[in-house]
Each structure stands twice: as C-alpha cells, then as structure tokens.
Amino acid sequence: MVADMAASTESWSSIAFLDDEARGHRGDLPWPVLGPCDLVESMSDDYDSIALGFGDNVLRYRWSERVSALPFDLATIVSAKGIVSDHAELGPGTVVMPGAVVNIGVTTGRGVIVNTGATVDHDCRLADASHVGPGANLGGGVLVGERTLVGVGASVRNGVRIGCDVTVGVGAAVHADLPDECTAVGVPARPLH
C-alpha cells in the first residue's frame, strides 16, 4: 500500500523493496525486491529516501531509528485520497492512507501510520511508530504513545491519553486514559489482566 501510494504521487522516479522474505519480483507487486533489509546501508548512492512499510510498530520504530542515522530522507507519504489539514504537522516517515482524515493542530512523530478511513481530530498527538488502524476514530486532543496500536474500528473519546506500547482492540471504545504496556478491549475499553 505504501509503495502504491508513493507511485501515485509521482514524487519518486523509481521504487524498490527490501524484504527479508523475498527476492526478485513478487507476483503481487510491480516493483522489484532488491534483497534483505540489511542492504539499506549500501543503497545511499542509488536512492534518496526510504519509506517504512512495516505494519509491526516495534519493528517500524527500530527501523525508523536506524534509517534516521543514514543519509536518507524518511519519506512522508499522503494518499491523494487522504485529507490532511494545512495546519497539521506530519513527522518524517508518517503515512496517511486513502480515506483517512488528519485535522488541524494534529502532530505526528516519526514513522506513524494513519490507516485507511481513520479519523484523527483536532489537536491530537501521535507519538513515534504509533498506528491508528483502519476505520478508527480519535476525538480531539487525544494523546497516543509510542508504538501504540489503536485497532480497527476503535473509537477514542476527546482528551484521552493512551500510553506507550498499548494495543487497543478492534471496535473498542476508549473512554478513559490507558496506562503503558496494556491491551484494552471492549465497550467501554478496559485493560486485560
């Protein structure tokens, strides 16, 4: 999805993948797979930016730190079918998918994903490598910690603070703050014990 969005913006003249699992051409992709991810250090003469397509928040966080130390730009990619306020601030490596809305006053850290059809209302703060899942909705002023996943179709009430390394379950309704390192599910969402 990230490569497809990048290709549609016509901001990049060539796109290639690094993937530890595949080499050559994958049948489902029109772009070549050059080899494993560790090749990134040797590619600075051929490419000027890197986009992080890792869905795993911890992995994306580690790679965003690693790539930031290299002579690449961390590509921020916004789908032509996504909406981002001119008064929002997207951090390096942020990806905004089709149908997503990012409103005024929102700031994102490095390597954030706002997935398909998600809404992030005014003045939210999304920390590094956080992920707002497809169809999830954040009310105004929500704070989402590093490496946190707000699951598919979840809703978060205005002003809620969600800690680091949290998983908010599919369809959960978050009405109150959540501590670090928990999984919260249900309506209203409660941390599992």
Protein backbone atom coordinates (compact mmCIF):
# COMPACT_ATOMS: atom_id res chain seq x y z
CA MET A 1 0.00 0.00 0.00
CA VAL A 2 2.80 2.44 0.84
CA ALA A 3 4.56 1.83 -2.48
CA ASP A 4 1.28 2.11 -4.37
CA MET A 5 0.57 5.50 -2.76
CA ALA A 6 4.12 6.68 -3.45
CA ALA A 7 3.84 5.69 -7.10
CA SER A 8 0.53 7.53 -7.45
CA THR A 9 2.04 10.80 -6.19
CA GLU A 10 4.68 10.75 -8.94
CA SER A 11 7.17 12.23 -6.44
CA TRP A 12 9.61 9.34 -6.89
CA SER A 13 11.15 8.21 -10.18
CA SER A 14 11.80 4.64 -9.04
CA ILE A 15 10.59 2.39 -6.26
CA ALA A 16 12.17 -0.81 -4.99
CA PHE A 17 11.68 -3.03 -1.96
CA LEU A 18 13.94 -4.50 0.63
CA ASP A 19 12.34 -7.57 2.16
CA ASP A 20 13.91 -10.29 4.30
CA GLU A 21 11.42 -12.84 2.94
CA ALA A 22 11.56 -12.31 -0.84
CA ARG A 23 13.92 -11.64 -3.75
CA GLY A 24 13.36 -10.66 -7.39
CA HIS A 25 9.78 -9.84 -8.26
CA ARG A 26 6.89 -10.86 -6.06
CA GLY A 27 3.93 -11.74 -8.24
CA ASP A 28 1.66 -9.29 -6.41
CA LEU A 29 3.97 -6.27 -6.84
CA PRO A 30 5.10 -4.34 -9.92
CA TRP A 31 8.30 -3.25 -8.15
CA PRO A 32 11.50 -5.30 -7.70
CA VAL A 33 12.64 -6.73 -4.38
CA LEU A 34 16.38 -6.00 -4.24
CA GLY A 35 17.18 -8.20 -1.27
CA PRO A 36 17.08 -8.24 2.54
CA CYS A 37 16.55 -5.12 4.64
CA ASP A 38 20.18 -5.01 5.77
CA LEU A 39 21.15 -3.81 2.28
CA VAL A 40 19.83 -0.36 3.22
CA GLU A 41 23.27 0.84 4.35
CA SER A 42 24.74 0.22 0.88
CA MET A 43 22.00 1.96 -1.11
CA SER A 44 22.63 5.65 -0.41
CA ASP A 45 24.17 6.26 -3.85
CA ASP A 46 21.10 4.94 -5.69
CA TYR A 47 18.16 6.14 -3.56
CA ASP A 48 17.50 9.31 -1.61
CA SER A 49 14.55 8.36 0.56
CA ILE A 50 13.20 5.37 2.43
CA ALA A 51 9.57 4.63 3.26
CA LEU A 52 8.79 2.24 6.08
CA GLY A 53 6.17 -0.32 5.13
CA PHE A 54 6.37 -2.36 8.33
CA GLY A 55 2.99 -2.89 9.98
CA ASP A 56 4.64 -4.02 13.23
CA ASN A 57 5.02 -0.90 15.39
CA VAL A 58 8.13 -2.09 17.25
CA LEU A 59 9.88 -3.09 14.03
CA ARG A 60 8.90 0.20 12.38
CA TYR A 61 10.22 2.10 15.43
CA ARG A 62 13.59 0.29 15.31
CA TRP A 63 13.94 0.83 11.56
CA SER A 64 12.97 4.50 11.80
CA GLU A 65 15.81 4.99 14.29
CA ARG A 66 18.23 3.04 12.10
CA VAL A 67 17.29 4.86 8.87
CA SER A 68 17.45 8.27 10.60
CA ALA A 69 21.17 7.69 11.17
CA LEU A 70 21.72 7.12 7.42
CA PRO A 71 21.94 9.64 4.56
CA PHE A 72 18.29 9.17 3.52
CA ASP A 73 15.15 11.19 3.96
CA LEU A 74 12.46 9.27 5.80
CA ALA A 75 9.63 9.64 3.25
CA THR A 76 6.31 11.03 4.44
CA ILE A 77 3.58 9.78 2.12
CA VAL A 78 0.00 11.01 1.98
CA SER A 79 -2.51 9.32 -0.30
CA ALA A 80 -4.12 11.57 -2.88
CA LYS A 81 -7.37 10.28 -1.39
CA GLY A 82 -6.44 11.21 2.18
CA ILE A 83 -7.15 14.59 3.77
CA VAL A 84 -4.54 16.39 5.86
CA SER A 85 -5.10 19.89 7.22
CA ASP A 86 -2.59 22.52 6.14
CA HIS A 87 -2.30 23.17 9.87
CA ALA A 88 -1.28 19.63 10.85
CA GLU A 89 2.37 18.64 11.25
CA LEU A 90 3.36 15.22 9.95
CA GLY A 91 6.65 13.81 11.23
CA PRO A 92 9.16 12.08 8.97
CA GLY A 93 8.05 8.69 7.75
CA THR A 94 4.37 9.27 8.51
CA VAL A 95 1.95 7.52 6.15
CA VAL A 96 -1.65 8.68 5.65
CA MET A 97 -3.73 6.10 3.78
CA PRO A 98 -6.73 6.59 1.45
CA GLY A 99 -9.85 7.95 3.12
CA ALA A 100 -8.00 9.00 6.28
CA VAL A 101 -8.56 12.47 7.74
CA VAL A 102 -5.97 14.35 9.81
CA ASN A 103 -7.35 17.63 11.15
CA ILE A 104 -6.00 20.97 12.32
CA GLY A 105 -3.41 21.01 15.09
CA VAL A 106 -2.51 17.32 14.82
CA THR A 107 1.16 16.43 15.18
CA THR A 108 2.71 13.07 14.45
CA GLY A 109 6.07 11.66 15.40
CA ARG A 110 8.34 9.58 13.22
CA GLY A 111 7.01 6.51 11.38
CA VAL A 112 3.31 6.97 12.24
CA ILE A 113 0.53 5.23 10.27
CA VAL A 114 -2.95 6.73 9.90
CA ASN A 115 -4.62 3.85 8.12
CA THR A 116 -7.48 3.60 5.64
CA GLY A 117 -10.57 5.57 6.64
CA ALA A 118 -9.21 6.55 10.08
CA THR A 119 -10.00 9.99 11.51
CA VAL A 120 -7.70 11.97 13.77
CA ASP A 121 -9.47 15.05 15.05
CA HIS A 122 -8.05 18.41 16.10
CA ASP A 123 -5.00 18.75 18.34
CA CYS A 124 -4.19 15.04 18.67
CA ARG A 125 -0.58 13.97 19.29
CA LEU A 126 0.56 10.66 17.79
CA ALA A 127 3.98 9.59 19.09
CA ASP A 128 6.68 7.73 17.14
CA ALA A 129 5.63 4.48 15.41
CA SER A 130 2.04 4.67 16.59
CA HIS A 131 -0.70 3.31 14.32
CA VAL A 132 -4.31 4.39 14.03
CA GLY A 133 -5.96 1.37 12.42
CA PRO A 134 -8.45 1.29 9.56
CA GLY A 135 -11.72 2.99 10.43
CA ALA A 136 -10.56 4.04 13.90
CA ASN A 137 -11.67 7.44 15.19
CA LEU A 138 -9.80 9.71 17.60
CA GLY A 139 -11.67 12.62 19.18
CA GLY A 140 -9.93 15.95 19.68
CA GLY A 141 -6.86 16.30 21.88
CA VAL A 142 -6.10 12.57 22.16
CA LEU A 143 -2.51 11.61 23.01
CA VAL A 144 -1.27 8.27 21.64
CA GLY A 145 2.05 6.93 23.00
CA GLU A 146 5.00 5.42 21.15
CA ARG A 147 4.46 2.07 19.40
CA THR A 148 0.75 2.05 20.31
CA LEU A 149 -1.88 0.47 18.05
CA VAL A 150 -5.44 1.79 18.03
CA GLY A 151 -7.19 -1.18 16.42
CA VAL A 152 -9.61 -1.41 13.51
CA GLY A 153 -12.82 0.50 14.15
CA ALA A 154 -11.86 1.61 17.66
CA SER A 155 -13.11 4.96 18.99
CA VAL A 156 -11.31 7.20 21.46
CA ARG A 157 -13.08 9.98 23.41
CA ASN A 158 -11.76 13.55 23.33
CA GLY A 159 -8.82 14.27 25.60
CA VAL A 160 -7.89 10.67 26.41
CA ARG A 161 -4.24 9.75 26.98
CA ILE A 162 -3.12 6.34 25.77
CA GLY A 163 0.28 5.15 26.99
CA CYS A 164 3.23 3.61 25.13
CA ASP A 165 3.19 0.04 23.79
CA VAL A 166 -0.60 -0.26 24.13
CA THR A 167 -2.91 -2.30 21.93
CA VAL A 168 -6.48 -1.03 21.73
CA GLY A 169 -8.61 -3.91 20.47
CA VAL A 170 -10.82 -4.00 17.40
CA GLY A 171 -14.01 -2.00 17.91
CA ALA A 172 -13.08 -0.88 21.44
CA ALA A 173 -14.46 2.37 22.83
CA VAL A 174 -11.83 4.16 24.91
CA HIS A 175 -13.47 6.49 27.45
CA ALA A 176 -10.61 6.84 29.96
CA ASP A 177 -6.82 7.07 29.96
CA LEU A 178 -4.87 3.84 29.42
CA PRO A 179 -1.50 3.05 31.07
CA ASP A 180 1.63 1.90 29.25
CA GLU A 181 2.04 -1.70 28.07
CA CYS A 182 -1.54 -2.92 28.21
CA THR A 183 -4.13 -4.40 25.89
CA ALA A 184 -7.55 -2.80 26.23
CA VAL A 185 -10.73 -4.25 24.77
CA GLY A 186 -14.48 -3.81 24.98
CA VAL A 187 -17.09 -1.09 25.32
CA PRO A 188 -16.01 0.70 27.35
CA ALA A 189 -12.41 -0.44 26.84
CA ARG A 190 -10.71 -1.93 29.88
CA PRO A 191 -7.17 -3.30 30.21
CA LEU A 192 -6.95 -7.07 30.25
CA HIS A 193 -5.45 -8.54 33.41
